[in-house]
Amino acid sequence: MTSGQKKTHVGIAQASISDDPNELLIAANLGSCLGIAAFDPERKIGGMIHCLLPLSKSDPEKAKENPCMYVDTGVAYLLNEMFKKGAVKDSLKISVAGGANIADTTNVFEIGKKNFTILRKILWKNNLLIAAQDIGENMSRTISLDMATGNVWLKKKGQEEQMEAKG
């Protein structure tokens, strides 16, 4: 990450698509929400979404208004917008952070866990894999996508590190 980068903050229920190498996409304060970064390294097209809830069927009208609020409709929106810019599915590197259990001390709702489960199902159905992830536990995270390099950075517990592909 460089100091001269344009920082684009991706708020709750928002997405951002970019092909600007001087841009840094950031989804901050991810609790049970998911921050999902996708990057096509060959075409240098990337995107990020900050999803709040797992399934749009809980409020179809709200999902029509803002598909980015939900994991199921938001991921489809993110990928379709990236494809419109020229990204290619088989080249995508996907990183995800969040899905924590912060306020739900009784584990009644498990929104974070449900968000991640829905994401995995959607990606699996579309033959896409997660390259790097930092999910669960009970801490807030921030995820950043450096459009110049495709590197994804994770900040948690005051520490920032590059997310590494699992393998």
N, C-alpha and C. Protein backbone atom coordinates (compact mmCIF):
# COMPACT_ATOMS: atom_id res chain seq x y z
N MET A 1 0.84 -1.18 0.00
CA MET A 1 0.00 0.00 0.00
C MET A 1 0.88 1.23 0.00
N THR A 2 0.49 2.21 -0.77
CA THR A 2 1.27 3.44 -0.83
C THR A 2 0.44 4.61 -0.29
N SER A 3 1.13 5.63 0.18
CA SER A 3 0.44 6.75 0.83
C SER A 3 -0.36 7.60 -0.15
N GLY A 4 0.00 7.59 -1.42
CA GLY A 4 -0.68 8.43 -2.40
C GLY A 4 -1.93 7.82 -3.01
N GLN A 5 -2.33 6.68 -2.50
CA GLN A 5 -3.48 6.00 -3.10
C GLN A 5 -4.79 6.69 -2.78
N LYS A 6 -5.70 6.59 -3.73
CA LYS A 6 -7.07 7.04 -3.52
C LYS A 6 -7.77 5.95 -2.71
N LYS A 7 -8.31 6.31 -1.56
CA LYS A 7 -8.98 5.33 -0.69
C LYS A 7 -10.48 5.39 -0.91
N THR A 8 -11.06 4.27 -1.26
CA THR A 8 -12.50 4.18 -1.43
C THR A 8 -13.05 3.30 -0.33
N HIS A 9 -13.86 3.89 0.54
CA HIS A 9 -14.44 3.14 1.64
C HIS A 9 -15.75 2.50 1.19
N VAL A 10 -15.83 1.19 1.36
CA VAL A 10 -17.00 0.42 0.97
C VAL A 10 -17.80 0.18 2.24
N GLY A 11 -18.86 0.96 2.41
CA GLY A 11 -19.67 0.88 3.62
C GLY A 11 -20.61 -0.31 3.62
N ILE A 12 -21.33 -0.45 4.71
CA ILE A 12 -22.29 -1.55 4.84
C ILE A 12 -23.30 -1.48 3.70
N ALA A 13 -23.53 -2.62 3.06
CA ALA A 13 -24.47 -2.76 1.95
C ALA A 13 -24.04 -1.95 0.73
N GLN A 14 -22.72 -1.81 0.55
CA GLN A 14 -22.18 -1.12 -0.62
C GLN A 14 -21.18 -2.02 -1.34
N ALA A 15 -20.94 -1.70 -2.60
CA ALA A 15 -19.92 -2.38 -3.39
C ALA A 15 -19.16 -1.33 -4.19
N SER A 16 -17.95 -1.68 -4.57
CA SER A 16 -17.15 -0.80 -5.42
C SER A 16 -16.35 -1.67 -6.38
N ILE A 17 -16.37 -1.29 -7.65
CA ILE A 17 -15.62 -2.00 -8.69
C ILE A 17 -14.59 -1.02 -9.24
N SER A 18 -13.37 -1.49 -9.50
CA SER A 18 -12.34 -0.57 -9.96
C SER A 18 -11.36 -1.25 -10.91
N ASP A 19 -10.78 -0.41 -11.78
CA ASP A 19 -9.64 -0.83 -12.58
C ASP A 19 -8.55 0.25 -12.48
N ASP A 20 -8.63 1.07 -11.42
CA ASP A 20 -7.69 2.15 -11.18
C ASP A 20 -6.55 1.65 -10.29
N PRO A 21 -5.33 1.54 -10.83
CA PRO A 21 -4.21 1.01 -10.04
C PRO A 21 -3.83 1.89 -8.85
N ASN A 22 -4.32 3.12 -8.82
CA ASN A 22 -4.01 4.02 -7.71
C ASN A 22 -5.06 3.97 -6.61
N GLU A 23 -5.96 3.00 -6.68
CA GLU A 23 -7.07 2.95 -5.72
C GLU A 23 -6.88 1.83 -4.71
N LEU A 24 -7.35 2.09 -3.51
CA LEU A 24 -7.38 1.11 -2.44
C LEU A 24 -8.83 0.99 -1.99
N LEU A 25 -9.40 -0.20 -2.13
CA LEU A 25 -10.78 -0.44 -1.69
C LEU A 25 -10.74 -0.95 -0.25
N ILE A 26 -11.56 -0.38 0.62
CA ILE A 26 -11.51 -0.71 2.04
C ILE A 26 -12.91 -0.97 2.59
N ALA A 27 -13.08 -2.11 3.24
CA ALA A 27 -14.31 -2.40 3.99
C ALA A 27 -13.90 -2.52 5.45
N ALA A 28 -14.33 -1.54 6.26
CA ALA A 28 -13.90 -1.46 7.65
C ALA A 28 -14.96 -1.97 8.61
N ASN A 29 -14.52 -2.27 9.81
CA ASN A 29 -15.41 -2.63 10.91
C ASN A 29 -16.33 -3.80 10.58
N LEU A 30 -15.75 -4.85 10.02
CA LEU A 30 -16.52 -6.04 9.70
C LEU A 30 -16.71 -6.87 10.96
N GLY A 31 -17.93 -6.93 11.42
CA GLY A 31 -18.27 -7.80 12.54
C GLY A 31 -18.84 -9.08 11.96
N SER A 32 -20.16 -9.21 12.06
CA SER A 32 -20.81 -10.37 11.43
C SER A 32 -20.91 -10.20 9.92
N CYS A 33 -20.74 -8.96 9.45
CA CYS A 33 -20.75 -8.69 8.01
C CYS A 33 -19.58 -9.40 7.33
N LEU A 34 -19.70 -9.58 6.02
CA LEU A 34 -18.59 -10.11 5.24
C LEU A 34 -18.04 -9.01 4.34
N GLY A 35 -16.74 -8.90 4.30
CA GLY A 35 -16.06 -8.08 3.32
C GLY A 35 -15.46 -9.04 2.30
N ILE A 36 -15.90 -8.93 1.07
CA ILE A 36 -15.47 -9.86 0.03
C ILE A 36 -14.73 -9.06 -1.04
N ALA A 37 -13.48 -9.45 -1.29
CA ALA A 37 -12.66 -8.81 -2.31
C ALA A 37 -12.43 -9.81 -3.43
N ALA A 38 -12.62 -9.36 -4.66
CA ALA A 38 -12.36 -10.20 -5.84
C ALA A 38 -11.44 -9.42 -6.76
N PHE A 39 -10.48 -10.12 -7.37
CA PHE A 39 -9.51 -9.45 -8.23
C PHE A 39 -9.13 -10.36 -9.38
N ASP A 40 -9.13 -9.78 -10.58
CA ASP A 40 -8.65 -10.48 -11.77
C ASP A 40 -7.24 -9.94 -12.05
N PRO A 41 -6.20 -10.71 -11.70
CA PRO A 41 -4.83 -10.20 -11.82
C PRO A 41 -4.38 -9.97 -13.26
N GLU A 42 -4.96 -10.66 -14.21
CA GLU A 42 -4.55 -10.49 -15.60
C GLU A 42 -5.09 -9.19 -16.18
N ARG A 43 -6.29 -8.83 -15.80
CA ARG A 43 -6.94 -7.64 -16.35
C ARG A 43 -6.92 -6.46 -15.39
N LYS A 44 -6.42 -6.70 -14.15
CA LYS A 44 -6.32 -5.66 -13.12
C LYS A 44 -7.68 -5.01 -12.83
N ILE A 45 -8.69 -5.87 -12.72
CA ILE A 45 -10.04 -5.41 -12.36
C ILE A 45 -10.37 -6.03 -11.01
N GLY A 46 -10.84 -5.20 -10.11
CA GLY A 46 -11.16 -5.70 -8.79
C GLY A 46 -12.45 -5.12 -8.26
N GLY A 47 -12.91 -5.72 -7.19
CA GLY A 47 -14.13 -5.22 -6.56
C GLY A 47 -14.20 -5.67 -5.12
N MET A 48 -15.03 -4.95 -4.38
CA MET A 48 -15.23 -5.30 -2.98
C MET A 48 -16.68 -5.03 -2.63
N ILE A 49 -17.20 -5.88 -1.75
CA ILE A 49 -18.56 -5.71 -1.25
C ILE A 49 -18.56 -5.92 0.26
N HIS A 50 -19.48 -5.24 0.92
CA HIS A 50 -19.63 -5.30 2.38
C HIS A 50 -21.07 -5.73 2.64
N CYS A 51 -21.27 -7.04 2.82
CA CYS A 51 -22.62 -7.61 2.97
C CYS A 51 -23.01 -7.74 4.44
N LEU A 52 -24.26 -7.42 4.73
CA LEU A 52 -24.76 -7.39 6.10
C LEU A 52 -25.45 -8.70 6.51
N LEU A 53 -26.30 -9.22 5.64
CA LEU A 53 -27.15 -10.38 5.98
C LEU A 53 -27.02 -11.48 4.93
N PRO A 54 -27.33 -12.72 5.30
CA PRO A 54 -27.11 -13.83 4.37
C PRO A 54 -28.08 -13.90 3.18
N LEU A 55 -29.38 -13.87 3.44
CA LEU A 55 -30.33 -14.19 2.37
C LEU A 55 -31.34 -13.08 2.09
N SER A 56 -31.49 -12.77 0.82
CA SER A 56 -32.40 -11.71 0.39
C SER A 56 -33.86 -12.09 0.59
N LYS A 57 -34.15 -13.37 0.74
CA LYS A 57 -35.55 -13.77 0.90
C LYS A 57 -36.15 -13.23 2.20
N SER A 58 -35.30 -12.77 3.12
CA SER A 58 -35.80 -12.20 4.37
C SER A 58 -36.52 -10.86 4.11
N ASP A 59 -36.15 -10.16 3.03
CA ASP A 59 -36.82 -8.91 2.65
C ASP A 59 -36.57 -8.66 1.17
N PRO A 60 -37.34 -9.34 0.30
CA PRO A 60 -37.12 -9.22 -1.15
C PRO A 60 -37.20 -7.79 -1.69
N GLU A 61 -38.06 -6.97 -1.10
CA GLU A 61 -38.17 -5.58 -1.56
C GLU A 61 -36.88 -4.82 -1.29
N LYS A 62 -36.35 -4.99 -0.09
CA LYS A 62 -35.10 -4.32 0.27
C LYS A 62 -33.96 -4.83 -0.61
N ALA A 63 -34.00 -6.11 -0.93
CA ALA A 63 -32.96 -6.70 -1.79
C ALA A 63 -33.01 -6.12 -3.20
N LYS A 64 -34.21 -5.83 -3.69
CA LYS A 64 -34.33 -5.21 -5.01
C LYS A 64 -33.75 -3.81 -4.98
N GLU A 65 -34.04 -3.07 -3.90
CA GLU A 65 -33.52 -1.71 -3.73
C GLU A 65 -32.00 -1.71 -3.62
N ASN A 66 -31.48 -2.64 -2.81
CA ASN A 66 -30.04 -2.69 -2.56
C ASN A 66 -29.56 -4.13 -2.45
N PRO A 67 -29.19 -4.73 -3.58
CA PRO A 67 -28.75 -6.13 -3.55
C PRO A 67 -27.47 -6.35 -2.72
N CYS A 68 -26.71 -5.29 -2.51
CA CYS A 68 -25.44 -5.42 -1.78
C CYS A 68 -25.64 -5.70 -0.28
N MET A 69 -26.85 -5.52 0.21
CA MET A 69 -27.11 -5.75 1.63
C MET A 69 -26.98 -7.24 1.97
N TYR A 70 -27.29 -8.11 1.01
CA TYR A 70 -27.36 -9.54 1.26
C TYR A 70 -26.24 -10.28 0.53
N VAL A 71 -25.76 -11.35 1.14
CA VAL A 71 -24.68 -12.12 0.54
C VAL A 71 -25.13 -12.74 -0.79
N ASP A 72 -26.33 -13.33 -0.81
CA ASP A 72 -26.75 -14.04 -2.03
C ASP A 72 -26.89 -13.11 -3.23
N THR A 73 -27.54 -11.98 -3.06
CA THR A 73 -27.71 -11.06 -4.18
C THR A 73 -26.48 -10.16 -4.37
N GLY A 74 -25.77 -9.88 -3.28
CA GLY A 74 -24.61 -8.99 -3.35
C GLY A 74 -23.44 -9.60 -4.11
N VAL A 75 -23.17 -10.87 -3.86
CA VAL A 75 -22.06 -11.52 -4.56
C VAL A 75 -22.35 -11.58 -6.06
N ALA A 76 -23.58 -11.88 -6.41
CA ALA A 76 -23.97 -11.90 -7.82
C ALA A 76 -23.78 -10.51 -8.43
N TYR A 77 -24.20 -9.49 -7.70
CA TYR A 77 -24.03 -8.10 -8.18
C TYR A 77 -22.55 -7.78 -8.39
N LEU A 78 -21.73 -8.07 -7.38
CA LEU A 78 -20.29 -7.79 -7.45
C LEU A 78 -19.67 -8.45 -8.68
N LEU A 79 -19.90 -9.75 -8.83
CA LEU A 79 -19.29 -10.48 -9.94
C LEU A 79 -19.79 -9.98 -11.29
N ASN A 80 -21.09 -9.75 -11.41
CA ASN A 80 -21.64 -9.26 -12.68
C ASN A 80 -21.08 -7.91 -13.07
N GLU A 81 -20.92 -7.01 -12.09
CA GLU A 81 -20.34 -5.69 -12.38
C GLU A 81 -18.88 -5.83 -12.81
N MET A 82 -18.15 -6.75 -12.18
CA MET A 82 -16.77 -6.98 -12.59
C MET A 82 -16.70 -7.56 -13.99
N PHE A 83 -17.60 -8.49 -14.32
CA PHE A 83 -17.61 -9.09 -15.65
C PHE A 83 -17.92 -8.03 -16.71
N LYS A 84 -18.82 -7.07 -16.38
CA LYS A 84 -19.14 -5.98 -17.32
C LYS A 84 -17.89 -5.16 -17.63
N LYS A 85 -16.98 -5.03 -16.68
CA LYS A 85 -15.73 -4.27 -16.89
C LYS A 85 -14.67 -5.10 -17.60
N GLY A 86 -14.92 -6.41 -17.75
CA GLY A 86 -13.98 -7.25 -18.48
C GLY A 86 -13.29 -8.33 -17.67
N ALA A 87 -13.60 -8.43 -16.38
CA ALA A 87 -13.00 -9.50 -15.56
C ALA A 87 -13.45 -10.86 -16.08
N VAL A 88 -12.61 -11.85 -15.89
CA VAL A 88 -12.89 -13.20 -16.34
C VAL A 88 -12.99 -14.13 -15.12
N LYS A 89 -14.06 -14.89 -15.07
CA LYS A 89 -14.36 -15.73 -13.92
C LYS A 89 -13.19 -16.64 -13.53
N ASP A 90 -12.59 -17.30 -14.49
CA ASP A 90 -11.54 -18.27 -14.19
C ASP A 90 -10.26 -17.63 -13.65
N SER A 91 -10.14 -16.30 -13.76
CA SER A 91 -8.94 -15.61 -13.26
C SER A 91 -9.12 -15.04 -11.86
N LEU A 92 -10.34 -15.03 -11.36
CA LEU A 92 -10.63 -14.32 -10.11
C LEU A 92 -9.96 -14.94 -8.89
N LYS A 93 -9.42 -14.07 -8.06
CA LYS A 93 -8.90 -14.43 -6.74
C LYS A 93 -9.84 -13.78 -5.73
N ILE A 94 -10.43 -14.60 -4.87
CA ILE A 94 -11.43 -14.10 -3.93
C ILE A 94 -10.90 -14.24 -2.50
N SER A 95 -11.00 -13.15 -1.76
CA SER A 95 -10.60 -13.12 -0.36
C SER A 95 -11.79 -12.64 0.45
N VAL A 96 -11.92 -13.14 1.67
CA VAL A 96 -13.06 -12.76 2.50
C VAL A 96 -12.64 -12.64 3.95
N ALA A 97 -13.25 -11.66 4.62
CA ALA A 97 -13.00 -11.45 6.05
C ALA A 97 -14.31 -11.06 6.71
N GLY A 98 -14.39 -11.31 8.00
CA GLY A 98 -15.58 -10.96 8.77
C GLY A 98 -16.25 -12.21 9.31
N GLY A 99 -17.58 -12.19 9.30
CA GLY A 99 -18.33 -13.35 9.76
C GLY A 99 -18.14 -13.63 11.24
N ALA A 100 -17.85 -12.59 12.00
CA ALA A 100 -17.59 -12.77 13.43
C ALA A 100 -18.90 -12.88 14.22
N ASN A 101 -18.75 -13.31 15.45
CA ASN A 101 -19.87 -13.39 16.38
C ASN A 101 -19.56 -12.40 17.50
N ILE A 102 -19.97 -11.14 17.29
CA ILE A 102 -19.56 -10.10 18.22
C ILE A 102 -20.62 -9.82 19.28
N ALA A 103 -21.82 -9.47 18.88
CA ALA A 103 -22.84 -9.06 19.85
C ALA A 103 -23.75 -10.20 20.28
N ASP A 104 -23.79 -11.26 19.53
CA ASP A 104 -24.72 -12.37 19.77
C ASP A 104 -24.08 -13.37 20.74
N THR A 105 -24.01 -13.00 22.01
CA THR A 105 -23.30 -13.82 23.00
C THR A 105 -23.95 -15.18 23.23
N THR A 106 -25.23 -15.30 22.92
CA THR A 106 -25.92 -16.58 23.13
C THR A 106 -25.90 -17.46 21.89
N ASN A 107 -25.29 -16.97 20.81
CA ASN A 107 -25.23 -17.70 19.53
C ASN A 107 -26.61 -18.03 18.98
N VAL A 108 -27.59 -17.18 19.27
CA VAL A 108 -28.95 -17.43 18.79
C VAL A 108 -29.04 -17.19 17.29
N PHE A 109 -28.50 -16.08 16.83
CA PHE A 109 -28.69 -15.71 15.43
C PHE A 109 -27.58 -16.23 14.53
N GLU A 110 -26.35 -16.22 14.99
CA GLU A 110 -25.20 -16.68 14.21
C GLU A 110 -25.16 -16.10 12.80
N ILE A 111 -25.40 -14.80 12.70
CA ILE A 111 -25.44 -14.13 11.40
C ILE A 111 -24.11 -14.29 10.66
N GLY A 112 -23.00 -14.09 11.36
CA GLY A 112 -21.69 -14.20 10.72
C GLY A 112 -21.46 -15.57 10.11
N LYS A 113 -21.80 -16.60 10.87
CA LYS A 113 -21.63 -17.97 10.37
C LYS A 113 -22.55 -18.23 9.17
N LYS A 114 -23.78 -17.73 9.25
CA LYS A 114 -24.73 -17.91 8.13
C LYS A 114 -24.24 -17.15 6.89
N ASN A 115 -23.73 -15.94 7.10
CA ASN A 115 -23.20 -15.18 5.96
C ASN A 115 -22.12 -15.97 5.22
N PHE A 116 -21.19 -16.54 5.98
CA PHE A 116 -20.09 -17.28 5.37
C PHE A 116 -20.57 -18.57 4.71
N THR A 117 -21.54 -19.24 5.33
CA THR A 117 -22.09 -20.47 4.74
C THR A 117 -22.74 -20.18 3.39
N ILE A 118 -23.51 -19.10 3.32
CA ILE A 118 -24.17 -18.74 2.05
C ILE A 118 -23.11 -18.37 1.01
N LEU A 119 -22.10 -17.63 1.40
CA LEU A 119 -21.03 -17.27 0.46
C LEU A 119 -20.39 -18.54 -0.11
N ARG A 120 -20.03 -19.46 0.75
CA ARG A 120 -19.38 -20.70 0.27
C ARG A 120 -20.29 -21.46 -0.69
N LYS A 121 -21.58 -21.52 -0.40
CA LYS A 121 -22.52 -22.22 -1.29
C LYS A 121 -22.58 -21.55 -2.66
N ILE A 122 -22.66 -20.23 -2.66
CA ILE A 122 -22.74 -19.49 -3.93
C ILE A 122 -21.47 -19.70 -4.75
N LEU A 123 -20.33 -19.57 -4.10
CA LEU A 123 -19.07 -19.75 -4.83
C LEU A 123 -18.92 -21.18 -5.33
N TRP A 124 -19.29 -22.15 -4.50
CA TRP A 124 -19.19 -23.55 -4.90
C TRP A 124 -20.07 -23.82 -6.12
N LYS A 125 -21.31 -23.30 -6.10
CA LYS A 125 -22.23 -23.51 -7.24
C LYS A 125 -21.69 -22.88 -8.51
N ASN A 126 -20.87 -21.85 -8.36
CA ASN A 126 -20.31 -21.15 -9.52
C ASN A 126 -18.87 -21.54 -9.81
N ASN A 127 -18.43 -22.62 -9.17
CA ASN A 127 -17.09 -23.15 -9.40
C ASN A 127 -16.00 -22.11 -9.13
N LEU A 128 -16.17 -21.37 -8.03
CA LEU A 128 -15.18 -20.38 -7.61
C LEU A 128 -14.66 -20.77 -6.23
N LEU A 129 -13.38 -20.52 -6.00
CA LEU A 129 -12.76 -20.87 -4.73
C LEU A 129 -12.35 -19.60 -3.97
N ILE A 130 -12.26 -19.73 -2.67
CA ILE A 130 -11.75 -18.65 -1.83
C ILE A 130 -10.24 -18.82 -1.72
N ALA A 131 -9.51 -17.79 -2.12
CA ALA A 131 -8.04 -17.85 -2.08
C ALA A 131 -7.52 -17.60 -0.67
N ALA A 132 -8.16 -16.69 0.06
CA ALA A 132 -7.71 -16.36 1.42
C ALA A 132 -8.92 -15.95 2.24
N GLN A 133 -8.88 -16.30 3.53
CA GLN A 133 -10.01 -15.95 4.39
C GLN A 133 -9.55 -15.74 5.82
N ASP A 134 -10.29 -14.90 6.53
CA ASP A 134 -10.12 -14.71 7.96
C ASP A 134 -11.53 -14.48 8.50
N ILE A 135 -12.09 -15.54 9.07
CA ILE A 135 -13.52 -15.60 9.38
C ILE A 135 -13.74 -16.01 10.83
N GLY A 136 -14.86 -15.54 11.38
CA GLY A 136 -15.33 -16.05 12.67
C GLY A 136 -14.74 -15.35 13.87
N GLU A 137 -14.68 -16.09 14.95
CA GLU A 137 -14.23 -15.59 16.25
C GLU A 137 -15.13 -14.44 16.70
N ASN A 138 -14.60 -13.55 17.53
CA ASN A 138 -15.44 -12.47 18.06
C ASN A 138 -14.76 -11.11 17.95
N MET A 139 -14.10 -10.88 16.80
CA MET A 139 -13.39 -9.62 16.63
C MET A 139 -13.76 -8.94 15.32
N SER A 140 -13.66 -7.62 15.35
CA SER A 140 -13.90 -6.82 14.16
C SER A 140 -12.66 -6.84 13.28
N ARG A 141 -12.87 -6.71 11.98
CA ARG A 141 -11.77 -6.71 11.02
C ARG A 141 -11.98 -5.63 9.97
N THR A 142 -10.89 -5.28 9.31
CA THR A 142 -10.94 -4.40 8.14
C THR A 142 -10.17 -5.11 7.03
N ILE A 143 -10.74 -5.10 5.83
CA ILE A 143 -10.09 -5.72 4.67
C ILE A 143 -9.88 -4.64 3.61
N SER A 144 -8.72 -4.69 2.96
CA SER A 144 -8.39 -3.70 1.92
C SER A 144 -7.85 -4.42 0.69
N LEU A 145 -8.22 -3.93 -0.48
CA LEU A 145 -7.74 -4.48 -1.75
C LEU A 145 -6.93 -3.40 -2.46
N ASP A 146 -5.65 -3.68 -2.67
CA ASP A 146 -4.75 -2.77 -3.37
C ASP A 146 -4.89 -3.05 -4.87
N MET A 147 -5.46 -2.11 -5.59
CA MET A 147 -5.74 -2.34 -7.01
C MET A 147 -4.47 -2.40 -7.86
N ALA A 148 -3.36 -1.86 -7.38
CA ALA A 148 -2.11 -1.91 -8.15
C ALA A 148 -1.54 -3.32 -8.18
N THR A 149 -1.71 -4.04 -7.07
CA THR A 149 -1.05 -5.35 -6.94
C THR A 149 -2.03 -6.52 -6.82
N GLY A 150 -3.26 -6.21 -6.41
CA GLY A 150 -4.21 -7.28 -6.12
C GLY A 150 -4.03 -7.85 -4.72
N ASN A 151 -3.06 -7.31 -3.97
CA ASN A 151 -2.85 -7.78 -2.60
C ASN A 151 -4.02 -7.37 -1.72
N VAL A 152 -4.38 -8.28 -0.83
CA VAL A 152 -5.46 -8.02 0.11
C VAL A 152 -4.84 -7.94 1.50
N TRP A 153 -5.20 -6.89 2.21
CA TRP A 153 -4.66 -6.63 3.54
C TRP A 153 -5.76 -6.80 4.56
N LEU A 154 -5.40 -7.35 5.71
CA LEU A 154 -6.34 -7.59 6.79
C LEU A 154 -5.83 -6.88 8.04
N LYS A 155 -6.72 -6.14 8.67
CA LYS A 155 -6.37 -5.51 9.93
C LYS A 155 -7.30 -6.04 11.01
N LYS A 156 -6.69 -6.57 12.09
CA LYS A 156 -7.47 -7.02 13.24
C LYS A 156 -6.59 -6.90 14.48
N LYS A 157 -7.22 -6.64 15.59
CA LYS A 157 -6.48 -6.47 16.85
C LYS A 157 -5.34 -5.47 16.71
N GLY A 158 -5.56 -4.43 15.88
CA GLY A 158 -4.55 -3.39 15.72
C GLY A 158 -3.38 -3.76 14.82
N GLN A 159 -3.36 -4.97 14.31
CA GLN A 159 -2.26 -5.44 13.44
C GLN A 159 -2.74 -5.56 12.00
N GLU A 160 -1.88 -5.15 11.06
CA GLU A 160 -2.23 -5.29 9.65
C GLU A 160 -1.25 -6.24 8.99
N GLU A 161 -1.78 -7.14 8.20
CA GLU A 161 -0.93 -8.11 7.48
C GLU A 161 -1.58 -8.44 6.16
N GLN A 162 -0.76 -8.89 5.23
CA GLN A 162 -1.27 -9.31 3.94
C GLN A 162 -1.95 -10.66 4.11
N MET A 163 -3.13 -10.80 3.51
CA MET A 163 -3.82 -12.09 3.55
C MET A 163 -3.12 -13.02 2.58
N GLU A 164 -2.82 -14.19 3.03
CA GLU A 164 -2.12 -15.16 2.20
C GLU A 164 -3.09 -16.20 1.69
N ALA A 165 -2.86 -16.63 0.46
CA ALA A 165 -3.67 -17.70 -0.10
C ALA A 165 -3.45 -18.96 0.71
N LYS A 166 -4.55 -19.63 0.99
CA LYS A 166 -4.41 -20.90 1.71
C LYS A 166 -4.02 -21.96 0.70
N GLY A 167 -3.35 -22.95 1.13
CA GLY A 167 -2.97 -23.93 0.14
C GLY A 167 -2.31 -25.04 0.76
